[in-house]
Amino acid sequence: MSQFFPEVKKIRYEGPDSKNPLAFKYYNPREKVGGKTLEEHLRFSVVFWHTFKGGGVDPFGTSPVYDRPWDRATDPMQRAEDTLRAAFEFITKLGAPFYAWHDRDIAPEADTLRETNKRLDQIVALAGKLQKDTGVKLLWGTSNCFSNARFTHGAGTNPDAHVFAYAAAQIKKAMECTLELKGENYVFWGGREGYSSLLNTDLKHEQEQMARLLQLAVEHKKAIGFKGTLLIEPKPKEPTKHQYDYDAATVLGFLRQHGLFDEFMLNLEANHATLAGHTFEHDLTVASAAGRLGSIDANRGDYLLGWDTDQFPTDLYSTTYAMMVILKQGGIGKGGVNFDAKVRRGSIDTADLFHAHIGGMDAFARGLKIAHRIQQDGVLDGFIKERYSSYRSGIGKKIMSGKTSFAELERYILKNGEPARHSGREEMLENLINTYI
């Protein structure tokens, strides 16, 4: 394998006292927490798009600033092969077990779909060989149905049925490539599935179109024998003014409305949750409560900026709260902690990619360990259980079991009068979390 990162050796766990910036301080993949290793708990994944294809662009700097050794060949397919080899070298040295891609990240488009698919087949064959050689697995594949100009007005929600058909054909191929590479999930992210103006939009029709696309995907999954999980990733805005997959609650409602609830899980991203006005743990909890939390995109946003900054996760409160939700539901299943994150525009060295991922992996390892201690001690669970104890007996039990009526509840109040007030103890609980962190 070519040495695209000759200056970096295999990243190893050296413990919290290590001064080596290219070593894990908290992520020891073989360390066991609650009967599973950290690697089994966290299932870290490196993304292809930001890490290897990102040029350091932002809304006010659209010219790439990175000079990547794998991106220098003049032939587009040679660049694609070099990028794939660089990715597997990086992921192997980092020690992440998974990676994830969009179809157009790994293979460039040609003039026709037929030629584009041939390019994709060529790269998928190489990816299969590299997966076999390294042991790195595909967490999920997905299709980029938002960058090309044909998707200006959306893909599945496009007012032109010709564009809908193109998106379906592209997704069909991406699902088949995911199956060929033994991917464990397939993700739908509607980058432009929304509207800019209601003056030219039939919202009901567009949502029915999107449901039809997802129904076709379910049918194709069964037709090709794909056993992985289909995931939907919500996002509220940007680039569209209002996207139909706004947040976890919106997507769950959409799935229920269109008879797709049992066919899809959710892949939730921290920065998307904050753009929707939520915390990451809020959206995770909404999905988990419905039994639909399937995977996460690990990153963070800048609260002072209004766009998707996709920074690496280093906030211990966020990683702890996220892992509390995941541990409570018994783990992430076939999903993983996928670093949909990018280094800053000024972080131009290839070594910065390692520093960023090491920091994110250490932050989630610490979050996992903290969350496990909190769970084992039962301090939060005990408080919450006691707070809702009135629903386990008496009138509360009758309310929850459906054995009462407004008339009976009125008689109860007339007899028992005003209820007592109880403190929510928010400050005490926040202090408690600080003692663990």
Protein backbone atom coordinates (compact mmCIF):
# COMPACT_ATOMS: atom_id res chain seq x y z
CA MET A 1 0.00 0.00 0.00
CA SER A 2 1.34 3.46 -0.93
CA GLN A 3 2.51 5.65 1.92
CA PHE A 4 0.33 8.74 1.80
CA PHE A 5 0.94 9.36 5.52
CA PRO A 6 4.61 8.37 5.93
CA GLU A 7 5.12 10.63 8.94
CA VAL A 8 2.41 8.89 10.99
CA LYS A 9 2.75 5.47 12.57
CA LYS A 10 -0.09 3.30 13.88
CA ILE A 11 -2.04 5.31 16.49
CA ARG A 12 -1.90 3.50 19.82
CA TYR A 13 -3.42 3.88 23.25
CA GLU A 14 -0.89 5.38 25.68
CA GLY A 15 -3.17 6.48 28.52
CA PRO A 16 -4.13 9.86 30.01
CA ASP A 17 -0.58 10.66 31.13
CA SER A 18 0.85 10.48 27.62
CA LYS A 19 2.16 13.70 26.07
CA ASN A 20 2.15 12.24 22.56
CA PRO A 21 -0.41 14.15 20.43
CA LEU A 22 -0.63 11.19 18.05
CA ALA A 23 -1.78 8.71 20.68
CA PHE A 24 -5.08 7.88 22.33
CA LYS A 25 -5.40 9.01 25.93
CA TYR A 26 -8.79 7.40 26.67
CA TYR A 27 -9.76 5.20 23.72
CA ASN A 28 -8.36 1.74 24.33
CA PRO A 29 -10.27 -0.43 21.84
CA ARG A 30 -9.74 -3.61 23.86
CA GLU A 31 -10.78 -2.13 27.22
CA LYS A 32 -14.07 -3.55 28.47
CA VAL A 33 -16.91 -1.43 29.81
CA GLY A 34 -20.07 -3.22 30.88
CA GLY A 35 -19.07 -6.51 29.26
CA LYS A 36 -18.17 -5.09 25.82
CA THR A 37 -14.97 -3.58 24.49
CA LEU A 38 -14.83 0.10 23.61
CA GLU A 39 -14.48 -0.89 19.96
CA GLU A 40 -17.71 -2.91 20.17
CA HIS A 41 -19.56 -0.12 21.98
CA LEU A 42 -18.51 2.76 19.75
CA ARG A 43 -18.03 1.23 16.28
CA PHE A 44 -16.11 4.26 15.01
CA SER A 45 -16.39 5.13 11.33
CA VAL A 46 -14.40 7.54 9.13
CA VAL A 47 -16.28 9.36 6.37
CA PHE A 48 -14.97 9.56 2.83
CA TRP A 49 -16.34 12.97 1.88
CA HIS A 50 -15.01 15.40 4.47
CA THR A 51 -11.85 13.52 5.39
CA PHE A 52 -10.53 12.66 1.93
CA LYS A 53 -12.51 14.76 -0.55
CA GLY A 54 -13.00 17.94 1.45
CA GLY A 55 -11.01 20.90 0.18
CA GLY A 56 -11.45 23.19 3.16
CA VAL A 57 -14.23 25.20 1.54
CA ASP A 58 -16.82 27.18 3.48
CA PRO A 59 -19.60 29.64 2.54
CA PHE A 60 -17.07 32.44 2.09
CA GLY A 61 -14.11 30.43 0.85
CA THR A 62 -15.23 28.30 -2.07
CA SER A 63 -11.72 27.67 -3.42
CA PRO A 64 -10.02 24.54 -2.01
CA VAL A 65 -6.99 25.20 0.17
CA TYR A 66 -5.75 21.68 0.89
CA ASP A 67 -3.00 20.08 -1.18
CA ARG A 68 -3.59 16.37 -0.66
CA PRO A 69 -1.06 13.91 -2.13
CA TRP A 70 -3.87 11.59 -3.22
CA ASP A 71 -5.62 14.34 -5.17
CA ARG A 72 -2.87 15.33 -7.60
CA ALA A 73 -3.28 12.94 -10.54
CA THR A 74 -4.76 14.48 -13.68
CA ASP A 75 -6.84 11.42 -14.55
CA PRO A 76 -10.05 11.42 -12.46
CA MET A 77 -10.09 7.64 -12.01
CA GLN A 78 -6.45 7.62 -10.93
CA ARG A 79 -7.36 10.27 -8.35
CA ALA A 80 -10.25 8.10 -7.20
CA GLU A 81 -8.00 5.05 -6.78
CA ASP A 82 -5.31 7.08 -5.00
CA THR A 83 -7.92 8.55 -2.66
CA LEU A 84 -9.29 5.12 -1.84
CA ARG A 85 -5.83 3.77 -1.04
CA ALA A 86 -5.08 6.82 1.09
CA ALA A 87 -8.36 6.32 2.94
CA PHE A 88 -7.58 2.73 3.85
CA GLU A 89 -4.05 3.65 4.93
CA PHE A 90 -5.46 6.39 7.17
CA ILE A 91 -8.27 4.27 8.63
CA THR A 92 -5.90 1.36 9.30
CA LYS A 93 -3.36 3.59 11.04
CA LEU A 94 -6.13 5.23 13.06
CA GLY A 95 -7.57 1.86 14.05
CA ALA A 96 -11.19 2.64 13.18
CA PRO A 97 -13.17 -0.47 12.22
CA PHE A 98 -15.51 1.20 9.69
CA TYR A 99 -15.81 3.79 6.95
CA ALA A 100 -18.73 5.37 5.05
CA TRP A 101 -19.18 6.93 1.60
CA HIS A 102 -21.45 8.66 -0.90
CA ASP A 103 -21.35 7.09 -4.35
CA ARG A 104 -19.97 10.29 -5.92
CA ASP A 105 -17.22 10.56 -3.28
CA ILE A 106 -15.56 7.32 -4.26
CA ALA A 107 -16.10 7.52 -8.03
CA PRO A 108 -16.52 10.65 -10.19
CA GLU A 109 -19.48 11.06 -12.50
CA ALA A 110 -19.04 10.52 -16.24
CA ASP A 111 -21.14 11.85 -19.11
CA THR A 112 -23.80 9.15 -18.82
CA LEU A 113 -25.19 7.04 -15.99
CA ARG A 114 -23.96 3.90 -17.76
CA GLU A 115 -20.37 5.16 -17.81
CA THR A 116 -20.68 6.49 -14.25
CA ASN A 117 -21.79 3.06 -13.07
CA LYS A 118 -18.78 1.46 -14.79
CA ARG A 119 -16.51 3.81 -12.87
CA LEU A 120 -18.30 2.94 -9.67
CA ASP A 121 -17.91 -0.79 -10.35
CA GLN A 122 -14.16 -0.31 -10.85
CA ILE A 123 -13.75 1.51 -7.54
CA VAL A 124 -16.04 -0.87 -5.64
CA ALA A 125 -13.90 -3.79 -6.82
CA LEU A 126 -10.80 -2.05 -5.44
CA ALA A 127 -12.63 -1.19 -2.20
CA GLY A 128 -13.59 -4.84 -1.77
CA LYS A 129 -9.95 -5.86 -2.12
CA LEU A 130 -8.77 -3.21 0.33
CA GLN A 131 -11.48 -4.20 2.83
CA LYS A 132 -10.29 -7.80 2.63
CA ASP A 133 -6.64 -6.79 3.00
CA THR A 134 -7.18 -4.49 5.99
CA GLY A 135 -10.26 -5.82 7.79
CA VAL A 136 -11.90 -2.38 7.60
CA LYS A 137 -15.66 -2.71 7.01
CA LEU A 138 -18.31 -0.51 5.42
CA LEU A 139 -20.65 0.98 8.03
CA TRP A 140 -22.92 2.44 5.38
CA GLY A 141 -23.21 3.67 1.86
CA THR A 142 -25.40 6.44 0.53
CA SER A 143 -26.07 8.33 -2.69
CA ASN A 144 -25.27 11.96 -3.42
CA CYS A 145 -28.54 13.16 -4.95
CA PHE A 146 -27.97 16.83 -4.19
CA SER A 147 -24.70 18.17 -5.66
CA ASN A 148 -25.31 17.81 -9.39
CA ALA A 149 -27.25 20.60 -11.11
CA ARG A 150 -29.99 18.14 -12.09
CA PHE A 151 -30.98 18.06 -8.40
CA THR A 152 -31.35 21.83 -8.05
CA HIS A 153 -35.03 21.39 -7.13
CA GLY A 154 -34.56 18.16 -5.22
CA ALA A 155 -34.35 14.47 -6.10
CA GLY A 156 -37.26 12.45 -4.76
CA THR A 157 -39.26 15.66 -4.31
CA ASN A 158 -38.37 17.18 -7.67
CA PRO A 159 -41.38 18.47 -9.68
CA ASP A 160 -39.92 16.75 -12.78
CA ALA A 161 -40.55 12.98 -12.86
CA HIS A 162 -37.49 12.55 -15.09
CA VAL A 163 -35.29 13.76 -12.22
CA PHE A 164 -37.12 11.45 -9.80
CA ALA A 165 -36.35 8.52 -12.12
CA TYR A 166 -32.67 9.53 -12.30
CA ALA A 167 -32.43 9.67 -8.51
CA ALA A 168 -34.07 6.25 -8.23
CA ALA A 169 -31.62 4.76 -10.73
CA GLN A 170 -28.68 6.29 -8.86
CA ILE A 171 -29.91 5.04 -5.48
CA LYS A 172 -30.53 1.57 -6.93
CA LYS A 173 -26.89 1.31 -7.96
CA ALA A 174 -25.59 2.71 -4.65
CA MET A 175 -27.65 0.17 -2.70
CA GLU A 176 -26.25 -2.63 -4.84
CA CYS A 177 -22.68 -1.39 -4.27
CA THR A 178 -23.34 -1.24 -0.53
CA LEU A 179 -24.55 -4.84 -0.64
CA GLU A 180 -21.49 -5.93 -2.64
CA LEU A 181 -19.19 -4.40 -0.02
CA LYS A 182 -21.19 -6.01 2.80
CA GLY A 183 -22.26 -2.65 4.19
CA GLU A 184 -24.22 -2.89 7.41
CA ASN A 185 -26.57 0.03 6.67
CA TYR A 186 -27.76 2.27 3.86
CA VAL A 187 -28.52 5.95 4.55
CA PHE A 188 -30.96 8.41 2.98
CA TRP A 189 -30.10 12.06 3.44
CA GLY A 190 -32.33 14.46 1.52
CA GLY A 191 -29.86 17.24 0.87
CA ARG A 192 -32.34 19.20 -1.23
CA GLU A 193 -35.60 17.47 -0.31
CA GLY A 194 -37.44 20.58 0.77
CA TYR A 195 -38.62 23.90 -0.59
CA SER A 196 -37.41 27.45 -1.02
CA SER A 197 -40.81 29.05 -1.67
CA LEU A 198 -44.36 27.83 -1.13
CA LEU A 199 -45.40 30.01 -4.07
CA ASN A 200 -44.16 27.33 -6.49
CA THR A 201 -44.47 24.23 -4.29
CA ASP A 202 -47.11 21.53 -3.86
CA LEU A 203 -45.93 20.41 -0.43
CA LYS A 204 -48.35 17.49 -0.10
CA HIS A 205 -47.41 16.15 -3.54
CA GLU A 206 -43.68 16.43 -2.84
CA GLN A 207 -43.96 14.55 0.44
CA GLU A 208 -45.97 11.82 -1.28
CA GLN A 209 -43.23 11.63 -3.92
CA MET A 210 -40.60 11.21 -1.20
CA ALA A 211 -42.62 8.47 0.43
CA ARG A 212 -42.89 6.72 -2.92
CA LEU A 213 -39.10 6.85 -3.38
CA LEU A 214 -38.58 5.30 0.04
CA GLN A 215 -41.18 2.63 -0.68
CA LEU A 216 -39.33 1.75 -3.88
CA ALA A 217 -36.09 1.52 -1.89
CA VAL A 218 -37.69 -0.91 0.56
CA GLU A 219 -38.90 -3.02 -2.36
CA HIS A 220 -35.42 -3.03 -3.92
CA LYS A 221 -33.78 -3.90 -0.61
CA LYS A 222 -35.89 -7.04 -0.47
CA ALA A 223 -35.37 -7.80 -4.17
CA ILE A 224 -31.55 -7.81 -3.89
CA GLY A 225 -31.45 -9.52 -0.49
CA PHE A 226 -29.87 -6.64 1.43
CA LYS A 227 -30.09 -7.50 5.14
CA GLY A 228 -28.73 -4.22 6.44
CA THR A 229 -30.67 -1.37 8.00
CA LEU A 230 -32.18 1.48 6.02
CA LEU A 231 -31.52 4.78 7.80
CA ILE A 232 -32.86 8.32 7.36
CA GLU A 233 -30.78 11.29 8.48
CA PRO A 234 -32.79 14.42 9.40
CA LYS A 235 -31.70 17.99 8.72
CA PRO A 236 -33.80 21.15 9.13
CA LYS A 237 -32.40 23.58 6.56
CA GLU A 238 -29.38 24.51 4.44
CA PRO A 239 -29.29 24.47 1.53
CA THR A 240 -33.09 24.52 1.31
CA LYS A 241 -35.03 26.92 3.52
CA HIS A 242 -37.16 24.12 4.95
CA GLN A 243 -36.34 20.45 4.53
CA TYR A 244 -39.02 17.81 4.92
CA ASP A 245 -36.80 15.66 7.20
CA TYR A 246 -36.53 18.54 9.69
CA ASP A 247 -35.72 16.59 12.86
CA ALA A 248 -36.24 13.20 14.50
CA ALA A 249 -39.84 13.87 15.47
CA THR A 250 -40.73 15.09 11.97
CA VAL A 251 -39.21 12.02 10.32
CA LEU A 252 -40.95 9.66 12.73
CA GLY A 253 -44.29 11.30 11.96
CA PHE A 254 -43.59 11.07 8.22
CA LEU A 255 -42.74 7.37 8.46
CA ARG A 256 -45.89 6.63 10.45
CA GLN A 257 -48.07 8.58 8.01
CA HIS A 258 -46.77 6.69 5.01
CA GLY A 259 -46.62 3.17 6.44
CA LEU A 260 -42.81 3.08 6.56
CA PHE A 261 -42.24 3.15 10.31
CA ASP A 262 -41.03 -0.45 10.60
CA GLU A 263 -38.74 -0.20 7.56
CA PHE A 264 -36.42 2.63 8.62
CA MET A 265 -34.25 3.64 11.55
CA LEU A 266 -32.74 7.10 12.11
CA ASN A 267 -29.16 8.23 11.72
CA LEU A 268 -28.86 11.39 13.82
CA GLU A 269 -26.24 14.09 13.51
CA ALA A 270 -25.36 16.47 16.34
CA ASN A 271 -24.96 19.56 14.13
CA HIS A 272 -28.28 18.88 12.39
CA ALA A 273 -30.02 18.68 15.75
CA THR A 274 -28.62 22.03 16.85
CA LEU A 275 -29.61 23.63 13.52
CA ALA A 276 -33.15 22.47 14.30
CA GLY A 277 -32.99 24.21 17.68
CA HIS A 278 -32.47 21.03 19.68
CA THR A 279 -29.64 19.48 21.64
CA PHE A 280 -28.10 16.32 20.21
CA GLU A 281 -29.37 14.29 23.16
CA HIS A 282 -32.90 15.57 22.55
CA ASP A 283 -33.10 14.14 19.04
CA LEU A 284 -31.36 10.94 20.19
CA THR A 285 -33.92 10.53 22.97
CA VAL A 286 -36.89 11.18 20.65
CA ALA A 287 -35.67 8.48 18.25
CA SER A 288 -34.69 6.05 21.00
CA ALA A 289 -38.03 6.39 22.78
CA ALA A 290 -39.69 5.30 19.53
CA GLY A 291 -37.26 2.40 19.09
CA ARG A 292 -35.86 3.99 15.93
CA LEU A 293 -32.34 5.16 16.88
CA GLY A 294 -30.04 3.25 14.54
CA SER A 295 -26.78 5.21 14.21
CA ILE A 296 -25.19 8.60 14.84
CA ASP A 297 -23.10 11.12 12.94
CA ALA A 298 -20.65 12.47 15.46
CA ASN A 299 -19.77 16.14 15.16
CA ARG A 300 -20.72 19.50 16.64
CA GLY A 301 -21.76 22.92 15.40
CA ASP A 302 -20.64 26.40 16.33
CA TYR A 303 -23.47 28.06 18.24
CA LEU A 304 -22.34 31.47 16.98
CA LEU A 305 -22.66 30.48 13.31
CA GLY A 306 -25.82 29.64 11.39
CA TRP A 307 -24.59 26.89 9.11
CA ASP A 308 -23.46 23.29 9.30
CA THR A 309 -19.86 23.67 10.49
CA ASP A 310 -19.34 19.93 11.09
CA GLN A 311 -16.61 20.33 13.69
CA PHE A 312 -15.11 17.33 15.43
CA PRO A 313 -16.82 16.44 18.73
CA THR A 314 -14.73 17.44 21.74
CA ASP A 315 -17.47 18.51 24.19
CA LEU A 316 -17.52 15.95 27.01
CA TYR A 317 -21.02 16.94 28.09
CA SER A 318 -22.37 16.22 24.62
CA THR A 319 -20.58 12.88 24.26
CA THR A 320 -21.62 11.85 27.77
CA TYR A 321 -25.28 12.71 27.23
CA ALA A 322 -25.23 10.95 23.85
CA MET A 323 -23.76 7.79 25.32
CA MET A 324 -26.27 7.86 28.18
CA VAL A 325 -29.05 7.56 25.59
CA ILE A 326 -27.25 4.84 23.64
CA LEU A 327 -26.42 2.78 26.74
CA LYS A 328 -29.98 3.08 27.99
CA GLN A 329 -31.31 1.50 24.80
CA GLY A 330 -28.75 -1.30 25.00
CA GLY A 331 -26.25 -0.07 22.40
CA ILE A 332 -26.16 1.20 18.84
CA GLY A 333 -26.79 -2.17 17.14
CA LYS A 334 -25.58 -2.26 13.52
CA GLY A 335 -24.98 1.48 13.60
CA GLY A 336 -21.91 3.31 14.76
CA VAL A 337 -20.27 6.56 15.78
CA ASN A 338 -19.57 8.00 12.35
CA PHE A 339 -17.33 11.07 12.20
CA ASP A 340 -19.24 13.26 9.75
CA ALA A 341 -16.82 16.03 10.63
CA LYS A 342 -14.10 18.05 8.96
CA VAL A 343 -10.95 19.85 10.01
CA ARG A 344 -10.98 23.63 9.86
CA ARG A 345 -10.01 25.52 6.68
CA GLY A 346 -6.71 26.53 8.22
CA SER A 347 -5.80 22.97 9.30
CA ILE A 348 -3.94 22.20 6.08
CA ASP A 349 -1.57 19.40 7.13
CA THR A 350 -2.53 15.75 6.64
CA ALA A 351 -1.50 15.12 10.25
CA ASP A 352 -4.39 17.37 11.31
CA LEU A 353 -6.77 14.65 10.12
CA PHE A 354 -5.28 12.30 12.71
CA HIS A 355 -5.37 14.90 15.49
CA ALA A 356 -9.05 15.57 14.77
CA HIS A 357 -10.12 11.93 14.80
CA ILE A 358 -8.02 11.11 17.87
CA GLY A 359 -9.74 13.93 19.75
CA GLY A 360 -13.21 12.77 18.71
CA MET A 361 -12.51 9.14 19.57
CA ASP A 362 -11.07 10.07 22.96
CA ALA A 363 -14.06 12.33 23.68
CA PHE A 364 -16.55 9.56 22.93
CA ALA A 365 -14.51 7.01 24.90
CA ARG A 366 -14.59 9.33 27.92
CA GLY A 367 -18.29 9.99 27.36
CA LEU A 368 -18.97 6.25 27.28
CA LYS A 369 -17.06 5.59 30.50
CA ILE A 370 -18.73 8.50 32.31
CA ALA A 371 -22.18 7.48 31.09
CA HIS A 372 -21.58 3.88 32.19
CA ARG A 373 -20.61 4.97 35.72
CA ILE A 374 -23.72 7.14 35.96
CA GLN A 375 -25.86 4.26 34.71
CA GLN A 376 -24.25 1.76 37.11
CA ASP A 377 -24.75 4.05 40.10
CA GLY A 378 -28.40 4.55 39.14
CA VAL A 379 -28.49 8.09 40.51
CA LEU A 380 -30.40 9.64 37.61
CA ASP A 381 -32.62 6.64 37.01
CA GLY A 382 -33.52 6.57 40.69
CA PHE A 383 -34.42 10.23 40.74
CA ILE A 384 -36.56 9.97 37.60
CA LYS A 385 -38.28 6.83 38.87
CA GLU A 386 -39.22 8.55 42.10
CA ARG A 387 -40.38 11.67 40.25
CA TYR A 388 -42.99 9.65 38.33
CA SER A 389 -43.87 7.29 41.17
CA SER A 390 -47.41 8.65 41.50
CA TYR A 391 -48.31 6.92 38.21
CA ARG A 392 -47.55 3.46 39.59
CA SER A 393 -50.42 3.34 42.06
CA GLY A 394 -53.76 4.96 42.90
CA ILE A 395 -55.23 7.50 40.50
CA GLY A 396 -52.01 7.69 38.47
CA LYS A 397 -52.10 3.98 37.73
CA LYS A 398 -55.72 4.27 36.64
CA ILE A 399 -54.78 7.16 34.32
CA MET A 400 -52.04 5.19 32.57
CA SER A 401 -54.05 1.98 32.32
CA GLY A 402 -57.02 3.73 30.72
CA LYS A 403 -59.37 2.93 33.59
CA THR A 404 -60.57 6.40 34.47
CA SER A 405 -62.50 9.30 32.97
CA PHE A 406 -62.67 13.08 33.15
CA ALA A 407 -65.65 12.73 35.50
CA GLU A 408 -63.70 10.53 37.93
CA LEU A 409 -60.67 12.81 37.77
CA GLU A 410 -62.90 15.76 38.59
CA ARG A 411 -64.29 13.91 41.62
CA TYR A 412 -60.72 13.10 42.68
CA ILE A 413 -59.72 16.78 42.64
CA LEU A 414 -62.90 17.88 44.43
CA LYS A 415 -62.10 15.42 47.20
CA ASN A 416 -58.29 15.87 47.41
CA GLY A 417 -57.88 19.53 46.54
CA GLU A 418 -54.77 21.30 45.28
CA PRO A 419 -51.74 19.10 44.49
CA ALA A 420 -48.45 19.62 46.31
CA ARG A 421 -45.57 21.13 44.35
CA HIS A 422 -42.24 19.30 43.97
CA SER A 423 -38.84 20.62 42.89
CA GLY A 424 -37.32 19.36 39.64
CA ARG A 425 -33.84 19.66 41.21
CA GLU A 426 -32.19 20.68 37.90
CA GLU A 427 -29.24 22.43 39.53
CA MET A 428 -28.55 19.50 41.84
CA LEU A 429 -28.58 17.07 38.91
CA GLU A 430 -26.30 19.28 36.82
CA ASN A 431 -23.87 19.39 39.74
CA LEU A 432 -24.12 15.63 39.97
CA ILE A 433 -23.12 15.22 36.33
CA ASN A 434 -20.12 17.50 36.98
CA THR A 435 -18.90 15.19 39.72
CA TYR A 436 -18.69 12.34 37.19
CA ILE A 437 -17.07 14.42 34.46
